[in-house]
Amino acid sequence: MMDAGCNVRTMVHRIDCFWETLGDSRDFKFAGEVGLWIGKNEKVLDKRRETEVVKLLKDQFPTLTMVVSRDDHGRLARVGA
């Protein structure tokens, strides 16, 4: 199994998302969907702790195999492999 992923930054969080690869063009499209959702919900996400950010993303995109969120203060949360 090979994973594809994306990295998105908000003002507070650095978020890495991974999923089973779907093929180059589909991976690019899915990364855009994840990034767009994070961008639209940036204010809400920036008010949350790392564990809540990970849970929100996993709930919104159940096909994600791993989600990692970290902030500039060293807090980190991860769900998945």
PDB file of N, CA and C in Angstrom:
ATOM      1  N   MET A   1       0.839  -1.180   0.000  1.00  0.00           N
ATOM      2  CA  MET A   1       0.000   0.000   0.000  1.00  0.00           C
ATOM      3  C   MET A   1       0.886   1.246   0.000  1.00  0.00           C
ATOM      4  N   MET A   2       0.551   2.185  -0.858  1.00  0.00           N
ATOM      5  CA  MET A   2       1.271   3.446  -0.926  1.00  0.00           C
ATOM      6  C   MET A   2       0.302   4.566  -0.578  1.00  0.00           C
ATOM      7  N   ASP A   3       0.786   5.522   0.201  1.00  0.00           N
ATOM      8  CA  ASP A   3      -0.029   6.668   0.576  1.00  0.00           C
ATOM      9  C   ASP A   3       0.396   7.907  -0.199  1.00  0.00           C
ATOM     10  N   ALA A   4      -0.568   8.759  -0.444  1.00  0.00           N
ATOM     11  CA  ALA A   4      -0.315  10.098  -0.978  1.00  0.00           C
ATOM     12  C   ALA A   4      -0.732  11.067   0.121  1.00  0.00           C
ATOM     13  N   GLY A   5      -0.340  12.309   0.021  1.00  0.00           N
ATOM     14  CA  GLY A   5      -0.701  13.234   1.085  1.00  0.00           C
ATOM     15  C   GLY A   5      -0.540  14.683   0.695  1.00  0.00           C
ATOM     16  N   CYS A   6      -0.877  15.525   1.656  1.00  0.00           N
ATOM     17  CA  CYS A   6      -0.719  16.967   1.466  1.00  0.00           C
ATOM     18  C   CYS A   6      -0.383  17.596   2.813  1.00  0.00           C
ATOM     19  N   ASN A   7       0.191  18.781   2.740  1.00  0.00           N
ATOM     20  CA  ASN A   7       0.547  19.547   3.922  1.00  0.00           C
ATOM     21  C   ASN A   7      -0.114  20.911   3.783  1.00  0.00           C
ATOM     22  N   VAL A   8      -0.878  21.301   4.805  1.00  0.00           N
ATOM     23  CA  VAL A   8      -1.588  22.572   4.773  1.00  0.00           C
ATOM     24  C   VAL A   8      -1.255  23.342   6.050  1.00  0.00           C
ATOM     25  N   ARG A   9      -1.023  24.638   5.912  1.00  0.00           N
ATOM     26  CA  ARG A   9      -0.739  25.495   7.064  1.00  0.00           C
ATOM     27  C   ARG A   9      -1.889  26.455   7.282  1.00  0.00           C
ATOM     28  N   THR A  10      -2.220  26.649   8.544  1.00  0.00           N
ATOM     29  CA  THR A  10      -3.105  27.736   8.930  1.00  0.00           C
ATOM     30  C   THR A  10      -2.252  28.694   9.749  1.00  0.00           C
ATOM     31  N   MET A  11      -2.862  29.685  10.342  1.00  0.00           N
ATOM     32  CA  MET A  11      -2.093  30.617  11.175  1.00  0.00           C
ATOM     33  C   MET A  11      -1.527  29.925  12.409  1.00  0.00           C
ATOM     34  N   VAL A  12      -2.187  28.873  12.882  1.00  0.00           N
ATOM     35  CA  VAL A  12      -1.787  28.209  14.119  1.00  0.00           C
ATOM     36  C   VAL A  12      -1.248  26.796  13.882  1.00  0.00           C
ATOM     37  N   HIS A  13      -1.817  26.065  12.938  1.00  0.00           N
ATOM     38  CA  HIS A  13      -1.526  24.636  12.766  1.00  0.00           C
ATOM     39  C   HIS A  13      -0.775  24.337  11.470  1.00  0.00           C
ATOM     40  N   ARG A  14       0.020  23.279  11.546  1.00  0.00           N
ATOM     41  CA  ARG A  14       0.605  22.650  10.349  1.00  0.00           C
ATOM     42  C   ARG A  14       0.006  21.260  10.285  1.00  0.00           C
ATOM     43  N   ILE A  15      -0.732  20.977   9.228  1.00  0.00           N
ATOM     44  CA  ILE A  15      -1.521  19.749   9.147  1.00  0.00           C
ATOM     45  C   ILE A  15      -1.028  18.897   7.973  1.00  0.00           C
ATOM     46  N   ASP A  16      -0.722  17.627   8.268  1.00  0.00           N
ATOM     47  CA  ASP A  16      -0.362  16.652   7.245  1.00  0.00           C
ATOM     48  C   ASP A  16      -1.492  15.640   7.145  1.00  0.00           C
ATOM     49  N   CYS A  17      -1.952  15.376   5.931  1.00  0.00           N
ATOM     50  CA  CYS A  17      -3.021  14.406   5.687  1.00  0.00           C
ATOM     51  C   CYS A  17      -2.529  13.383   4.678  1.00  0.00           C
ATOM     52  N   PHE A  18      -2.829  12.110   4.928  1.00  0.00           N
ATOM     53  CA  PHE A  18      -2.427  11.031   4.038  1.00  0.00           C
ATOM     54  C   PHE A  18      -3.610  10.131   3.733  1.00  0.00           C
ATOM     55  N   TRP A  19      -3.617   9.547   2.535  1.00  0.00           N
ATOM     56  CA  TRP A  19      -4.660   8.617   2.105  1.00  0.00           C
ATOM     57  C   TRP A  19      -4.027   7.620   1.149  1.00  0.00           C
ATOM     58  N   GLU A  20      -4.714   6.483   0.955  1.00  0.00           N
ATOM     59  CA  GLU A  20      -4.238   5.514  -0.023  1.00  0.00           C
ATOM     60  C   GLU A  20      -4.271   6.157  -1.392  1.00  0.00           C
ATOM     61  N   THR A  21      -3.180   6.021  -2.135  1.00  0.00           N
ATOM     62  CA  THR A  21      -3.082   6.709  -3.420  1.00  0.00           C
ATOM     63  C   THR A  21      -4.210   6.291  -4.362  1.00  0.00           C
ATOM     64  N   LEU A  22      -4.699   7.268  -5.093  1.00  0.00           N
ATOM     65  CA  LEU A  22      -5.806   7.067  -6.019  1.00  0.00           C
ATOM     66  C   LEU A  22      -5.349   7.234  -7.470  1.00  0.00           C
ATOM     67  N   GLY A  23      -4.079   7.527  -7.670  1.00  0.00           N
ATOM     68  CA  GLY A  23      -3.548   7.880  -8.987  1.00  0.00           C
ATOM     69  C   GLY A  23      -3.199   9.357  -8.979  1.00  0.00           C
ATOM     70  N   ASP A  24      -2.249   9.737  -9.800  1.00  0.00           N
ATOM     71  CA  ASP A  24      -1.713  11.099  -9.756  1.00  0.00           C
ATOM     72  C   ASP A  24      -2.769  12.193  -9.859  1.00  0.00           C
ATOM     73  N   SER A  25      -3.616  12.126 -10.864  1.00  0.00           N
ATOM     74  CA  SER A  25      -4.579  13.218 -11.044  1.00  0.00           C
ATOM     75  C   SER A  25      -5.632  13.227  -9.939  1.00  0.00           C
ATOM     76  N   ARG A  26      -6.083  12.063  -9.509  1.00  0.00           N
ATOM     77  CA  ARG A  26      -7.082  11.989  -8.437  1.00  0.00           C
ATOM     78  C   ARG A  26      -6.474  12.416  -7.098  1.00  0.00           C
ATOM     79  N   ASP A  27      -5.207  12.066  -6.854  1.00  0.00           N
ATOM     80  CA  ASP A  27      -4.529  12.510  -5.629  1.00  0.00           C
ATOM     81  C   ASP A  27      -4.442  14.032  -5.589  1.00  0.00           C
ATOM     82  N   PHE A  28      -4.107  14.642  -6.717  1.00  0.00           N
ATOM     83  CA  PHE A  28      -4.018  16.098  -6.795  1.00  0.00           C
ATOM     84  C   PHE A  28      -5.379  16.736  -6.506  1.00  0.00           C
ATOM     85  N   LYS A  29      -6.431  16.163  -7.057  1.00  0.00           N
ATOM     86  CA  LYS A  29      -7.782  16.692  -6.839  1.00  0.00           C
ATOM     87  C   LYS A  29      -8.199  16.534  -5.369  1.00  0.00           C
ATOM     88  N   PHE A  30      -7.920  15.382  -4.781  1.00  0.00           N
ATOM     89  CA  PHE A  30      -8.294  15.151  -3.390  1.00  0.00           C
ATOM     90  C   PHE A  30      -7.513  16.076  -2.456  1.00  0.00           C
ATOM     91  N   ALA A  31      -6.230  16.275  -2.742  1.00  0.00           N
ATOM     92  CA  ALA A  31      -5.427  17.208  -1.938  1.00  0.00           C
ATOM     93  C   ALA A  31      -6.031  18.600  -2.000  1.00  0.00           C
ATOM     94  N   GLY A  32      -6.518  18.986  -3.169  1.00  0.00           N
ATOM     95  CA  GLY A  32      -7.172  20.287  -3.313  1.00  0.00           C
ATOM     96  C   GLY A  32      -8.448  20.377  -2.504  1.00  0.00           C
ATOM     97  N   GLU A  33      -9.225  19.286  -2.466  1.00  0.00           N
ATOM     98  CA  GLU A  33     -10.463  19.266  -1.683  1.00  0.00           C
ATOM     99  C   GLU A  33     -10.160  19.419  -0.194  1.00  0.00           C
ATOM    100  N   VAL A  34      -9.152  18.691   0.272  1.00  0.00           N
ATOM    101  CA  VAL A  34      -8.764  18.783   1.691  1.00  0.00           C
ATOM    102  C   VAL A  34      -8.262  20.187   2.007  1.00  0.00           C
ATOM    103  N   GLY A  35      -7.381  20.706   1.167  1.00  0.00           N
ATOM    104  CA  GLY A  35      -6.842  22.052   1.382  1.00  0.00           C
ATOM    105  C   GLY A  35      -7.910  23.126   1.353  1.00  0.00           C
ATOM    106  N   LEU A  36      -8.861  22.993   0.435  1.00  0.00           N
ATOM    107  CA  LEU A  36      -9.955  23.964   0.334  1.00  0.00           C
ATOM    108  C   LEU A  36     -10.823  23.931   1.590  1.00  0.00           C
ATOM    109  N   TRP A  37     -11.130  22.728   2.079  1.00  0.00           N
ATOM    110  CA  TRP A  37     -11.948  22.607   3.291  1.00  0.00           C
ATOM    111  C   TRP A  37     -11.220  23.231   4.485  1.00  0.00           C
ATOM    112  N   ILE A  38      -9.940  22.954   4.605  1.00  0.00           N
ATOM    113  CA  ILE A  38      -9.159  23.533   5.710  1.00  0.00           C
ATOM    114  C   ILE A  38      -9.145  25.053   5.589  1.00  0.00           C
ATOM    115  N   GLY A  39      -8.946  25.566   4.392  1.00  0.00           N
ATOM    116  CA  GLY A  39      -8.939  27.011   4.180  1.00  0.00           C
ATOM    117  C   GLY A  39     -10.263  27.665   4.541  1.00  0.00           C
ATOM    118  N   LYS A  40     -11.363  27.035   4.158  1.00  0.00           N
ATOM    119  CA  LYS A  40     -12.688  27.585   4.466  1.00  0.00           C
ATOM    120  C   LYS A  40     -12.995  27.538   5.957  1.00  0.00           C
ATOM    121  N   ASN A  41     -12.379  26.600   6.668  1.00  0.00           N
ATOM    122  CA  ASN A  41     -12.652  26.427   8.093  1.00  0.00           C
ATOM    123  C   ASN A  41     -11.468  26.824   8.973  1.00  0.00           C
ATOM    124  N   GLU A  42     -10.580  27.632   8.436  1.00  0.00           N
ATOM    125  CA  GLU A  42      -9.360  28.006   9.150  1.00  0.00           C
ATOM    126  C   GLU A  42      -9.645  28.683  10.494  1.00  0.00           C
ATOM    127  N   LYS A  43     -10.582  29.609  10.521  1.00  0.00           N
ATOM    128  CA  LYS A  43     -10.872  30.314  11.780  1.00  0.00           C
ATOM    129  C   LYS A  43     -11.365  29.351  12.854  1.00  0.00           C
ATOM    130  N   VAL A  44     -12.209  28.427  12.469  1.00  0.00           N
ATOM    131  CA  VAL A  44     -12.725  27.429  13.424  1.00  0.00           C
ATOM    132  C   VAL A  44     -11.591  26.524  13.890  1.00  0.00           C
ATOM    133  N   LEU A  45     -10.776  26.036  12.948  1.00  0.00           N
ATOM    134  CA  LEU A  45      -9.682  25.132  13.298  1.00  0.00           C
ATOM    135  C   LEU A  45      -8.651  25.812  14.194  1.00  0.00           C
ATOM    136  N   ASP A  46      -8.360  27.089  13.931  1.00  0.00           N
ATOM    137  CA  ASP A  46      -7.345  27.787  14.720  1.00  0.00           C
ATOM    138  C   ASP A  46      -7.764  28.029  16.169  1.00  0.00           C
ATOM    139  N   LYS A  47      -9.030  27.902  16.462  1.00  0.00           N
ATOM    140  CA  LYS A  47      -9.504  28.040  17.847  1.00  0.00           C
ATOM    141  C   LYS A  47      -9.497  26.710  18.587  1.00  0.00           C
ATOM    142  N   ARG A  48      -9.161  25.629  17.891  1.00  0.00           N
ATOM    143  CA  ARG A  48      -9.208  24.285  18.472  1.00  0.00           C
ATOM    144  C   ARG A  48      -7.814  23.789  18.822  1.00  0.00           C
ATOM    145  N   ARG A  49      -7.789  22.835  19.752  1.00  0.00           N
ATOM    146  CA  ARG A  49      -6.532  22.160  20.094  1.00  0.00           C
ATOM    147  C   ARG A  49      -6.211  21.124  19.020  1.00  0.00           C
ATOM    148  N   GLU A  50      -4.992  20.632  19.041  1.00  0.00           N
ATOM    149  CA  GLU A  50      -4.522  19.695  18.017  1.00  0.00           C
ATOM    150  C   GLU A  50      -5.405  18.445  17.928  1.00  0.00           C
ATOM    151  N   THR A  51      -5.785  17.895  19.060  1.00  0.00           N
ATOM    152  CA  THR A  51      -6.606  16.682  19.046  1.00  0.00           C
ATOM    153  C   THR A  51      -7.958  16.922  18.389  1.00  0.00           C
ATOM    154  N   GLU A  52      -8.534  18.080  18.610  1.00  0.00           N
ATOM    155  CA  GLU A  52      -9.830  18.401  18.006  1.00  0.00           C
ATOM    156  C   GLU A  52      -9.696  18.619  16.499  1.00  0.00           C
ATOM    157  N   VAL A  53      -8.593  19.213  16.065  1.00  0.00           N
ATOM    158  CA  VAL A  53      -8.349  19.431  14.639  1.00  0.00           C
ATOM    159  C   VAL A  53      -8.269  18.086  13.919  1.00  0.00           C
ATOM    160  N   VAL A  54      -7.517  17.165  14.494  1.00  0.00           N
ATOM    161  CA  VAL A  54      -7.377  15.836  13.897  1.00  0.00           C
ATOM    162  C   VAL A  54      -8.732  15.144  13.805  1.00  0.00           C
ATOM    163  N   LYS A  55      -9.514  15.219  14.860  1.00  0.00           N
ATOM    164  CA  LYS A  55     -10.834  14.572  14.872  1.00  0.00           C
ATOM    165  C   LYS A  55     -11.763  15.198  13.824  1.00  0.00           C
ATOM    166  N   LEU A  56     -11.772  16.516  13.719  1.00  0.00           N
ATOM    167  CA  LEU A  56     -12.617  17.187  12.724  1.00  0.00           C
ATOM    168  C   LEU A  56     -12.253  16.756  11.298  1.00  0.00           C
ATOM    169  N   LEU A  57     -10.966  16.694  11.011  1.00  0.00           N
ATOM    170  CA  LEU A  57     -10.540  16.287   9.667  1.00  0.00           C
ATOM    171  C   LEU A  57     -10.887  14.827   9.385  1.00  0.00           C
ATOM    172  N   LYS A  58     -10.668  13.971  10.359  1.00  0.00           N
ATOM    173  CA  LYS A  58     -10.973  12.548  10.169  1.00  0.00           C
ATOM    174  C   LYS A  58     -12.476  12.342   9.992  1.00  0.00           C
ATOM    175  N   ASP A  59     -13.285  13.123  10.703  1.00  0.00           N
ATOM    176  CA  ASP A  59     -14.737  13.031  10.549  1.00  0.00           C
ATOM    177  C   ASP A  59     -15.178  13.545   9.178  1.00  0.00           C
ATOM    178  N   GLN A  60     -14.556  14.610   8.696  1.00  0.00           N
ATOM    179  CA  GLN A  60     -14.925  15.208   7.417  1.00  0.00           C
ATOM    180  C   GLN A  60     -14.470  14.351   6.235  1.00  0.00           C
ATOM    181  N   PHE A  61     -13.288  13.742   6.365  1.00  0.00           N
ATOM    182  CA  PHE A  61     -12.700  12.921   5.295  1.00  0.00           C
ATOM    183  C   PHE A  61     -12.349  11.544   5.858  1.00  0.00           C
ATOM    184  N   PRO A  62     -13.310  10.630   5.930  1.00  0.00           N
ATOM    185  CA  PRO A  62     -13.066   9.313   6.539  1.00  0.00           C
ATOM    186  C   PRO A  62     -12.058   8.453   5.787  1.00  0.00           C
ATOM    187  N   THR A  63     -11.754   8.780   4.539  1.00  0.00           N
ATOM    188  CA  THR A  63     -10.796   7.965   3.786  1.00  0.00           C
ATOM    189  C   THR A  63      -9.345   8.297   4.119  1.00  0.00           C
ATOM    190  N   LEU A  64      -9.121   9.306   4.939  1.00  0.00           N
ATOM    191  CA  LEU A  64      -7.749   9.632   5.337  1.00  0.00           C
ATOM    192  C   LEU A  64      -7.193   8.508   6.202  1.00  0.00           C
ATOM    193  N   THR A  65      -5.992   8.052   5.864  1.00  0.00           N
ATOM    194  CA  THR A  65      -5.370   6.984   6.645  1.00  0.00           C
ATOM    195  C   THR A  65      -4.574   7.540   7.820  1.00  0.00           C
ATOM    196  N   MET A  66      -4.115   8.784   7.702  1.00  0.00           N
ATOM    197  CA  MET A  66      -3.391   9.408   8.808  1.00  0.00           C
ATOM    198  C   MET A  66      -3.554  10.918   8.725  1.00  0.00           C
ATOM    199  N   VAL A  67      -3.733  11.539   9.886  1.00  0.00           N
ATOM    200  CA  VAL A  67      -3.791  12.992   9.997  1.00  0.00           C
ATOM    201  C   VAL A  67      -2.871  13.395  11.142  1.00  0.00           C
ATOM    202  N   VAL A  68      -1.992  14.350  10.875  1.00  0.00           N
ATOM    203  CA  VAL A  68      -1.064  14.857  11.889  1.00  0.00           C
ATOM    204  C   VAL A  68      -1.248  16.365  11.960  1.00  0.00           C
ATOM    205  N   SER A  69      -1.404  16.883  13.171  1.00  0.00           N
ATOM    206  CA  SER A  69      -1.517  18.324  13.362  1.00  0.00           C
ATOM    207  C   SER A  69      -0.530  18.745  14.439  1.00  0.00           C
ATOM    208  N   ARG A  70       0.210  19.833  14.164  1.00  0.00           N
ATOM    209  CA  ARG A  70       1.164  20.349  15.150  1.00  0.00           C
ATOM    210  C   ARG A  70       1.086  21.868  15.155  1.00  0.00           C
ATOM    211  N   ASP A  71       1.458  22.449  16.277  1.00  0.00           N
ATOM    212  CA  ASP A  71       1.477  23.906  16.350  1.00  0.00           C
ATOM    213  C   ASP A  71       2.885  24.394  16.660  1.00  0.00           C
ATOM    214  N   ASP A  72       3.053  25.688  16.745  1.00  0.00           N
ATOM    215  CA  ASP A  72       4.387  26.269  16.966  1.00  0.00           C
ATOM    216  C   ASP A  72       4.885  26.114  18.396  1.00  0.00           C
ATOM    217  N   HIS A  73       4.039  25.642  19.292  1.00  0.00           N
ATOM    218  CA  HIS A  73       4.434  25.453  20.690  1.00  0.00           C
ATOM    219  C   HIS A  73       4.850  24.025  20.987  1.00  0.00           C
ATOM    220  N   GLY A  74       4.892  23.188  19.970  1.00  0.00           N
ATOM    221  CA  GLY A  74       5.338  21.816  20.146  1.00  0.00           C
ATOM    222  C   GLY A  74       4.237  20.804  20.409  1.00  0.00           C
ATOM    223  N   ARG A  75       2.979  21.255  20.485  1.00  0.00           N
ATOM    224  CA  ARG A  75       1.892  20.310  20.681  1.00  0.00           C
ATOM    225  C   ARG A  75       1.657  19.566  19.374  1.00  0.00           C
ATOM    226  N   LEU A  76       1.334  18.264  19.496  1.00  0.00           N
ATOM    227  CA  LEU A  76       1.183  17.408  18.343  1.00  0.00           C
ATOM    228  C   LEU A  76       0.073  16.405  18.598  1.00  0.00           C
ATOM    229  N   ALA A  77      -0.709  16.105  17.560  1.00  0.00           N
ATOM    230  CA  ALA A  77      -1.714  15.045  17.646  1.00  0.00           C
ATOM    231  C   ALA A  77      -1.689  14.296  16.326  1.00  0.00           C
ATOM    232  N   ARG A  78      -1.941  12.989  16.403  1.00  0.00           N
ATOM    233  CA  ARG A  78      -1.918  12.153  15.208  1.00  0.00           C
ATOM    234  C   ARG A  78      -2.939  11.059  15.347  1.00  0.00           C
ATOM    235  N   VAL A  79      -3.594  10.740  14.244  1.00  0.00           N
ATOM    236  CA  VAL A  79      -4.498   9.590  14.189  1.00  0.00           C
ATOM    237  C   VAL A  79      -4.134   8.806  12.929  1.00  0.00           C
ATOM    238  N   GLY A  80      -4.127   7.506  13.025  1.00  0.00           N
ATOM    239  CA  GLY A  80      -3.806   6.665  11.879  1.00  0.00           C
ATOM    240  C   GLY A  80      -2.496   5.929  12.084  1.00  0.00           C
ATOM    241  N   ALA A  81      -2.024   5.319  11.017  1.00  0.00           N
ATOM    242  CA  ALA A  81      -0.860   4.431  11.057  1.00  0.00           C
ATOM    243  C   ALA A  81       0.369   5.085  11.614  1.00  0.00           C
TER     244      ALA A  81
END
